[in-house]
Amino acid sequence: MKVNVAAVQELINEHFRGNQTWFAEEISVAPAYVSRILNNKVEGNSDKVCNGIIKFCELNGLDFRKYIILS
């Protein structure tokens, strides 16, 4: 699994008013780590991040496959 960076950035803009820290807290991940993923400084293949996004999507009626690339 890997984060679809463009789609997650869109998710943050739409559901979190562009606030990465708020998003990171919602998925229980350090804000700095989310920032590094979104800025392509580290690969977005973290299980914790992916699982947090999946859980958020399930709770909010969103399709996680838009935000997670299954490999």
C-alpha atoms as a PDB file:
ATOM      1  CA  MET A   1       0.000   0.000   0.000  1.00  0.00           C
ATOM      2  CA  LYS A   2       1.132   3.511  -0.752  1.00  0.00           C
ATOM      3  CA  VAL A   3      -0.368   6.965  -0.259  1.00  0.00           C
ATOM      4  CA  ASN A   4      -1.730   8.683  -3.370  1.00  0.00           C
ATOM      5  CA  VAL A   5      -0.164  12.042  -2.510  1.00  0.00           C
ATOM      6  CA  ALA A   6      -2.211  14.188  -4.914  1.00  0.00           C
ATOM      7  CA  ALA A   7      -5.502  12.647  -3.805  1.00  0.00           C
ATOM      8  CA  VAL A   8      -4.650  12.945  -0.093  1.00  0.00           C
ATOM      9  CA  GLN A   9      -3.717  16.590  -0.570  1.00  0.00           C
ATOM     10  CA  GLU A  10      -7.117  17.085  -2.193  1.00  0.00           C
ATOM     11  CA  LEU A  11      -8.757  15.276   0.746  1.00  0.00           C
ATOM     12  CA  ILE A  12      -6.965  17.594   3.187  1.00  0.00           C
ATOM     13  CA  ASN A  13      -8.049  20.650   1.238  1.00  0.00           C
ATOM     14  CA  GLU A  14     -11.689  19.531   1.084  1.00  0.00           C
ATOM     15  CA  HIS A  15     -12.212  18.016   4.549  1.00  0.00           C
ATOM     16  CA  PHE A  16      -9.601  19.771   6.685  1.00  0.00           C
ATOM     17  CA  ARG A  17      -9.502  23.244   5.084  1.00  0.00           C
ATOM     18  CA  GLY A  18      -5.947  22.540   3.942  1.00  0.00           C
ATOM     19  CA  ASN A  19      -4.715  21.916   7.500  1.00  0.00           C
ATOM     20  CA  GLN A  20      -2.205  19.041   7.427  1.00  0.00           C
ATOM     21  CA  THR A  21      -1.830  19.040  11.222  1.00  0.00           C
ATOM     22  CA  TRP A  22      -5.559  18.547  11.725  1.00  0.00           C
ATOM     23  CA  PHE A  23      -5.520  15.696   9.203  1.00  0.00           C
ATOM     24  CA  ALA A  24      -2.472  14.092  10.874  1.00  0.00           C
ATOM     25  CA  GLU A  25      -4.150  14.233  14.278  1.00  0.00           C
ATOM     26  CA  GLU A  26      -7.323  12.716  12.806  1.00  0.00           C
ATOM     27  CA  ILE A  27      -5.398   9.697  11.489  1.00  0.00           C
ATOM     28  CA  SER A  28      -3.115   9.492  14.584  1.00  0.00           C
ATOM     29  CA  VAL A  29       0.158  10.212  12.794  1.00  0.00           C
ATOM     30  CA  ALA A  30       2.815  12.833  13.559  1.00  0.00           C
ATOM     31  CA  PRO A  31       2.144  16.020  11.568  1.00  0.00           C
ATOM     32  CA  ALA A  32       5.796  16.249  10.513  1.00  0.00           C
ATOM     33  CA  TYR A  33       5.643  12.765   9.005  1.00  0.00           C
ATOM     34  CA  VAL A  34       2.490  13.594   7.041  1.00  0.00           C
ATOM     35  CA  SER A  35       4.230  16.735   5.781  1.00  0.00           C
ATOM     36  CA  ARG A  36       7.266  14.734   4.643  1.00  0.00           C
ATOM     37  CA  ILE A  37       5.016  12.301   2.757  1.00  0.00           C
ATOM     38  CA  LEU A  38       3.036  15.083   1.076  1.00  0.00           C
ATOM     39  CA  ASN A  39       6.232  16.890   0.088  1.00  0.00           C
ATOM     40  CA  ASN A  40       7.745  13.663  -1.326  1.00  0.00           C
ATOM     41  CA  LYS A  41      10.614  13.674   1.169  1.00  0.00           C
ATOM     42  CA  VAL A  42       9.782  10.104   2.238  1.00  0.00           C
ATOM     43  CA  GLU A  43       7.824   7.353   0.527  1.00  0.00           C
ATOM     44  CA  GLY A  44       4.203   7.110   1.528  1.00  0.00           C
ATOM     45  CA  ASN A  45       4.193   3.380   2.131  1.00  0.00           C
ATOM     46  CA  SER A  46       3.669   3.573   5.902  1.00  0.00           C
ATOM     47  CA  ASP A  47       1.141   1.035   7.185  1.00  0.00           C
ATOM     48  CA  LYS A  48       0.163   3.395  10.000  1.00  0.00           C
ATOM     49  CA  VAL A  49      -0.602   6.248   7.604  1.00  0.00           C
ATOM     50  CA  CYS A  50      -2.437   4.017   5.139  1.00  0.00           C
ATOM     51  CA  ASN A  51      -4.493   2.369   7.878  1.00  0.00           C
ATOM     52  CA  GLY A  52      -5.332   5.782   9.331  1.00  0.00           C
ATOM     53  CA  ILE A  53      -6.563   6.976   5.938  1.00  0.00           C
ATOM     54  CA  ILE A  54      -8.594   3.795   5.450  1.00  0.00           C
ATOM     55  CA  LYS A  55     -10.215   4.189   8.870  1.00  0.00           C
ATOM     56  CA  PHE A  56     -10.996   7.864   8.206  1.00  0.00           C
ATOM     57  CA  CYS A  57     -12.570   6.952   4.867  1.00  0.00           C
ATOM     58  CA  GLU A  58     -14.675   4.182   6.374  1.00  0.00           C
ATOM     59  CA  LEU A  59     -15.973   6.489   9.120  1.00  0.00           C
ATOM     60  CA  ASN A  60     -16.814   9.206   6.594  1.00  0.00           C
ATOM     61  CA  GLY A  61     -18.269   7.144   3.753  1.00  0.00           C
ATOM     62  CA  LEU A  62     -15.349   7.694   1.375  1.00  0.00           C
ATOM     63  CA  ASP A  63     -13.680   5.172  -0.936  1.00  0.00           C
ATOM     64  CA  PHE A  64     -10.183   4.650   0.463  1.00  0.00           C
ATOM     65  CA  ARG A  65      -8.988   3.314  -2.919  1.00  0.00           C
ATOM     66  CA  LYS A  66      -8.931   6.894  -4.150  1.00  0.00           C
ATOM     67  CA  TYR A  67      -6.324   7.782  -1.497  1.00  0.00           C
ATOM     68  CA  ILE A  68      -4.370   4.525  -1.196  1.00  0.00           C
ATOM     69  CA  ILE A  69      -2.578   2.820  -4.092  1.00  0.00           C
ATOM     70  CA  LEU A  70      -2.843  -0.933  -3.599  1.00  0.00           C
ATOM     71  CA  SER A  71       0.121  -2.792  -4.995  1.00  0.00           C
END
